[in-house]
N, C-alpha and C. Protein backbone atom coordinates (compact mmCIF):
# COMPACT_ATOMS: atom_id res chain seq x y z
N MET A 1 -59.49 17.27 -51.03
CA MET A 1 -58.37 17.59 -52.02
C MET A 1 -58.38 19.19 -51.94
N ALA A 2 -59.59 19.84 -51.67
CA ALA A 2 -59.67 21.23 -51.63
C ALA A 2 -59.01 21.71 -50.44
N LEU A 3 -58.86 21.03 -49.42
CA LEU A 3 -58.35 21.49 -48.20
C LEU A 3 -56.90 21.66 -48.30
N PHE A 4 -56.20 20.76 -49.12
CA PHE A 4 -54.84 20.64 -49.35
C PHE A 4 -54.43 21.31 -50.55
N GLY A 5 -55.14 22.03 -51.33
CA GLY A 5 -54.82 22.60 -52.65
C GLY A 5 -53.77 23.72 -52.45
N PHE A 6 -53.78 24.43 -51.20
CA PHE A 6 -52.77 25.47 -51.16
C PHE A 6 -51.41 25.05 -51.19
N TRP A 7 -51.11 23.76 -50.70
CA TRP A 7 -49.68 23.12 -50.92
C TRP A 7 -49.13 23.04 -52.36
N LEU A 8 -50.13 22.68 -53.16
CA LEU A 8 -49.83 22.59 -54.54
C LEU A 8 -49.45 23.87 -55.16
N SER A 9 -50.06 24.99 -54.79
CA SER A 9 -49.87 26.22 -55.31
C SER A 9 -48.84 27.15 -54.84
N THR A 10 -48.29 26.68 -53.62
CA THR A 10 -47.31 27.49 -52.98
C THR A 10 -46.01 27.00 -53.51
N PRO A 11 -45.03 28.05 -53.96
CA PRO A 11 -43.80 27.81 -54.61
C PRO A 11 -42.77 27.42 -53.60
N PRO A 12 -41.87 26.52 -53.76
CA PRO A 12 -40.96 26.03 -52.82
C PRO A 12 -40.12 27.24 -52.33
N PRO A 13 -39.59 27.31 -51.10
CA PRO A 13 -38.85 28.56 -50.69
C PRO A 13 -37.50 28.44 -51.52
N VAL A 14 -37.21 29.78 -51.69
CA VAL A 14 -35.71 29.94 -52.39
C VAL A 14 -34.61 30.33 -51.44
N HIS A 15 -33.58 29.85 -51.41
CA HIS A 15 -32.40 30.08 -50.65
C HIS A 15 -31.53 31.02 -51.50
N THR A 16 -31.20 32.06 -51.15
CA THR A 16 -30.39 32.93 -51.85
C THR A 16 -28.98 33.14 -51.20
N HIS A 17 -28.66 32.64 -49.84
CA HIS A 17 -27.48 32.88 -49.36
C HIS A 17 -26.34 31.83 -49.95
N ALA A 18 -25.14 32.23 -50.08
CA ALA A 18 -24.08 31.51 -50.61
C ALA A 18 -23.74 30.58 -49.68
N PRO A 19 -23.22 29.45 -49.92
CA PRO A 19 -22.62 28.39 -48.97
C PRO A 19 -21.25 28.85 -48.48
N THR A 20 -21.11 28.59 -47.08
CA THR A 20 -19.99 29.09 -46.57
C THR A 20 -19.11 27.79 -46.22
N GLU A 21 -17.78 27.91 -46.22
CA GLU A 21 -16.99 26.83 -45.89
C GLU A 21 -17.16 26.63 -44.30
N PRO A 22 -17.24 25.43 -43.79
CA PRO A 22 -17.12 25.40 -42.23
C PRO A 22 -15.76 25.73 -41.72
N ALA A 23 -15.77 26.41 -40.70
CA ALA A 23 -14.54 26.52 -39.87
C ALA A 23 -13.83 25.22 -39.54
N SER A 24 -12.55 25.27 -39.90
CA SER A 24 -11.68 24.09 -39.40
C SER A 24 -11.40 24.22 -37.96
N VAL A 25 -11.75 23.12 -37.22
CA VAL A 25 -11.52 23.07 -35.85
C VAL A 25 -10.20 22.31 -35.52
N GLN A 26 -9.31 22.93 -34.80
CA GLN A 26 -8.03 22.30 -34.41
C GLN A 26 -8.15 21.91 -33.20
N ARG A 27 -8.15 20.57 -33.04
CA ARG A 27 -8.16 19.86 -31.76
C ARG A 27 -6.85 19.33 -31.48
N SER A 28 -6.50 19.58 -30.05
CA SER A 28 -5.20 19.00 -29.82
C SER A 28 -5.41 17.73 -28.96
N LEU A 29 -4.89 16.54 -29.44
CA LEU A 29 -4.99 15.47 -28.66
C LEU A 29 -4.00 15.26 -27.75
N PRO A 30 -4.37 14.66 -26.57
CA PRO A 30 -3.29 14.53 -25.68
C PRO A 30 -2.21 13.46 -26.16
N SER A 31 -0.90 13.62 -25.79
CA SER A 31 0.15 12.81 -26.23
C SER A 31 0.05 11.49 -25.43
N VAL A 32 0.16 10.33 -26.04
CA VAL A 32 0.13 8.95 -25.40
C VAL A 32 1.36 8.23 -25.62
N SER A 33 1.95 8.03 -24.59
CA SER A 33 3.34 7.32 -24.70
C SER A 33 3.12 5.80 -24.35
N ILE A 34 3.45 4.98 -25.34
CA ILE A 34 3.18 3.53 -25.04
C ILE A 34 4.74 3.09 -25.01
N ASP A 35 4.91 2.34 -24.00
CA ASP A 35 6.13 1.67 -23.95
C ASP A 35 6.07 0.18 -24.03
N LYS A 36 7.20 -0.53 -23.96
CA LYS A 36 7.30 -1.97 -24.15
C LYS A 36 6.62 -2.71 -23.10
N ASN A 37 6.62 -2.12 -21.99
CA ASN A 37 5.80 -2.90 -20.86
C ASN A 37 4.24 -2.84 -21.06
N THR A 38 3.81 -1.74 -21.43
CA THR A 38 2.35 -1.72 -21.79
C THR A 38 2.06 -2.60 -22.90
N VAL A 39 2.77 -2.70 -23.95
CA VAL A 39 2.52 -3.66 -25.03
C VAL A 39 2.55 -5.06 -24.70
N ALA A 40 3.41 -5.30 -23.65
CA ALA A 40 3.62 -6.65 -23.14
C ALA A 40 2.39 -7.16 -22.25
N VAL A 41 1.96 -6.26 -21.53
CA VAL A 41 0.78 -6.50 -20.62
C VAL A 41 -0.39 -6.58 -21.52
N VAL A 42 -0.67 -5.93 -22.61
CA VAL A 42 -1.85 -6.01 -23.25
C VAL A 42 -1.77 -7.30 -24.11
N LEU A 43 -0.66 -7.70 -24.55
CA LEU A 43 -0.56 -9.06 -25.25
C LEU A 43 -0.63 -10.15 -24.48
N VAL A 44 -0.25 -10.28 -23.25
CA VAL A 44 -0.39 -11.25 -22.25
C VAL A 44 -1.83 -11.35 -21.84
N GLY A 45 -2.32 -10.30 -21.65
CA GLY A 45 -3.89 -10.25 -21.28
C GLY A 45 -4.69 -10.76 -22.35
N GLY A 46 -4.33 -10.42 -23.60
CA GLY A 46 -5.12 -11.04 -24.68
C GLY A 46 -5.03 -12.51 -24.94
N VAL A 47 -3.79 -12.93 -24.59
CA VAL A 47 -3.47 -14.53 -24.64
C VAL A 47 -4.20 -15.18 -23.77
N VAL A 48 -4.25 -14.55 -22.42
CA VAL A 48 -4.96 -15.28 -21.21
C VAL A 48 -6.35 -15.33 -21.67
N LEU A 49 -6.92 -14.16 -22.00
CA LEU A 49 -8.31 -14.15 -22.29
C LEU A 49 -8.81 -15.13 -23.50
N THR A 50 -8.04 -15.17 -24.42
CA THR A 50 -8.21 -16.19 -25.48
C THR A 50 -8.28 -17.47 -25.00
N ALA A 51 -7.24 -17.83 -24.07
CA ALA A 51 -7.04 -19.15 -23.55
C ALA A 51 -8.26 -19.50 -22.78
N LEU A 52 -8.71 -18.67 -22.02
CA LEU A 52 -9.98 -18.86 -21.10
C LEU A 52 -11.16 -19.04 -21.95
N LEU A 53 -11.32 -18.33 -23.00
CA LEU A 53 -12.40 -18.38 -24.00
C LEU A 53 -12.44 -19.80 -24.57
N ALA A 54 -11.11 -20.31 -25.01
CA ALA A 54 -11.03 -21.59 -25.64
C ALA A 54 -11.39 -22.66 -24.55
N ALA A 55 -11.03 -22.51 -23.28
CA ALA A 55 -11.27 -23.47 -22.32
C ALA A 55 -12.69 -23.59 -21.84
N VAL A 56 -13.47 -22.34 -21.90
CA VAL A 56 -15.03 -22.57 -21.83
C VAL A 56 -15.72 -23.27 -22.89
N ALA A 57 -15.15 -22.80 -24.14
CA ALA A 57 -15.64 -23.53 -25.47
C ALA A 57 -15.49 -25.06 -25.26
N VAL A 58 -14.27 -25.44 -24.93
CA VAL A 58 -13.98 -26.97 -24.87
C VAL A 58 -14.94 -27.59 -23.84
N THR A 59 -15.00 -26.83 -22.66
CA THR A 59 -15.87 -27.54 -21.51
C THR A 59 -17.29 -27.59 -21.95
N ALA A 60 -17.88 -26.58 -22.56
CA ALA A 60 -19.33 -26.69 -23.14
C ALA A 60 -19.48 -27.74 -24.02
N ILE A 61 -18.52 -28.10 -24.94
CA ILE A 61 -18.81 -29.11 -25.98
C ILE A 61 -18.63 -30.44 -25.12
N SER A 62 -17.69 -30.55 -24.20
CA SER A 62 -17.64 -31.83 -23.54
C SER A 62 -18.78 -32.09 -22.57
N VAL A 63 -19.39 -31.07 -22.06
CA VAL A 63 -20.50 -31.32 -21.32
C VAL A 63 -21.92 -31.79 -22.15
N ALA A 64 -21.80 -31.11 -23.35
CA ALA A 64 -23.00 -31.42 -24.31
C ALA A 64 -22.76 -32.95 -24.86
N VAL A 65 -21.43 -33.29 -25.31
CA VAL A 65 -21.24 -34.71 -25.67
C VAL A 65 -21.64 -35.63 -24.42
N ALA A 66 -21.16 -35.43 -23.17
CA ALA A 66 -21.55 -36.13 -22.03
C ALA A 66 -23.00 -36.31 -21.80
N ALA A 67 -23.70 -35.22 -21.82
CA ALA A 67 -25.16 -35.26 -21.58
C ALA A 67 -25.88 -36.07 -23.02
N ALA A 68 -25.48 -36.01 -24.17
CA ALA A 68 -25.98 -36.83 -25.19
C ALA A 68 -25.55 -38.20 -24.86
N VAL A 69 -24.54 -38.66 -24.43
CA VAL A 69 -24.20 -40.10 -24.22
C VAL A 69 -24.96 -40.48 -23.00
N LEU A 70 -24.97 -39.89 -21.94
CA LEU A 70 -26.00 -40.21 -20.92
C LEU A 70 -27.35 -40.43 -21.16
N ARG A 71 -27.92 -39.50 -21.99
CA ARG A 71 -29.31 -39.55 -22.44
C ARG A 71 -29.51 -40.92 -23.23
N SER A 72 -28.63 -41.15 -24.06
CA SER A 72 -28.69 -42.33 -24.80
C SER A 72 -28.70 -43.57 -24.10
N MET A 73 -27.63 -43.61 -23.01
CA MET A 73 -27.57 -44.64 -22.26
C MET A 73 -28.76 -44.86 -21.33
N LEU A 74 -29.28 -43.79 -20.89
CA LEU A 74 -30.63 -43.86 -20.02
C LEU A 74 -31.89 -44.36 -20.77
N ARG A 75 -31.78 -43.84 -22.05
CA ARG A 75 -32.96 -44.31 -22.92
C ARG A 75 -32.82 -45.95 -23.15
N ASP A 76 -31.54 -46.32 -23.54
CA ASP A 76 -31.38 -47.76 -23.68
C ASP A 76 -31.73 -48.65 -22.36
N HIS A 77 -31.38 -48.13 -21.37
CA HIS A 77 -31.53 -48.76 -20.00
C HIS A 77 -33.08 -48.95 -19.87
N ASN A 78 -33.91 -47.84 -20.04
CA ASN A 78 -35.27 -47.72 -19.74
C ASN A 78 -36.01 -48.73 -20.75
N ARG A 79 -35.51 -48.96 -21.95
CA ARG A 79 -36.36 -49.83 -22.93
C ARG A 79 -36.32 -51.34 -22.44
N ARG A 80 -35.12 -51.67 -21.70
CA ARG A 80 -35.15 -53.18 -21.22
C ARG A 80 -35.98 -53.48 -20.21
């Protein structure tokens, strides 16, 4: 405790500077022109990707159901 006693007796530093307002930074963003063709391509791409994702999900569910049915059939076959 004696080693760390100087921390207790040292007063906290006092800041006397006045806060200054940050300088506002003016950034110029490049102008982007979006035409109807760009919107159409993005929408068609989104629809196609969504359809592919749905197809993968349906295929995965079908494979899981087929595996469960085959496992059940093989288990019943081996019991006989």
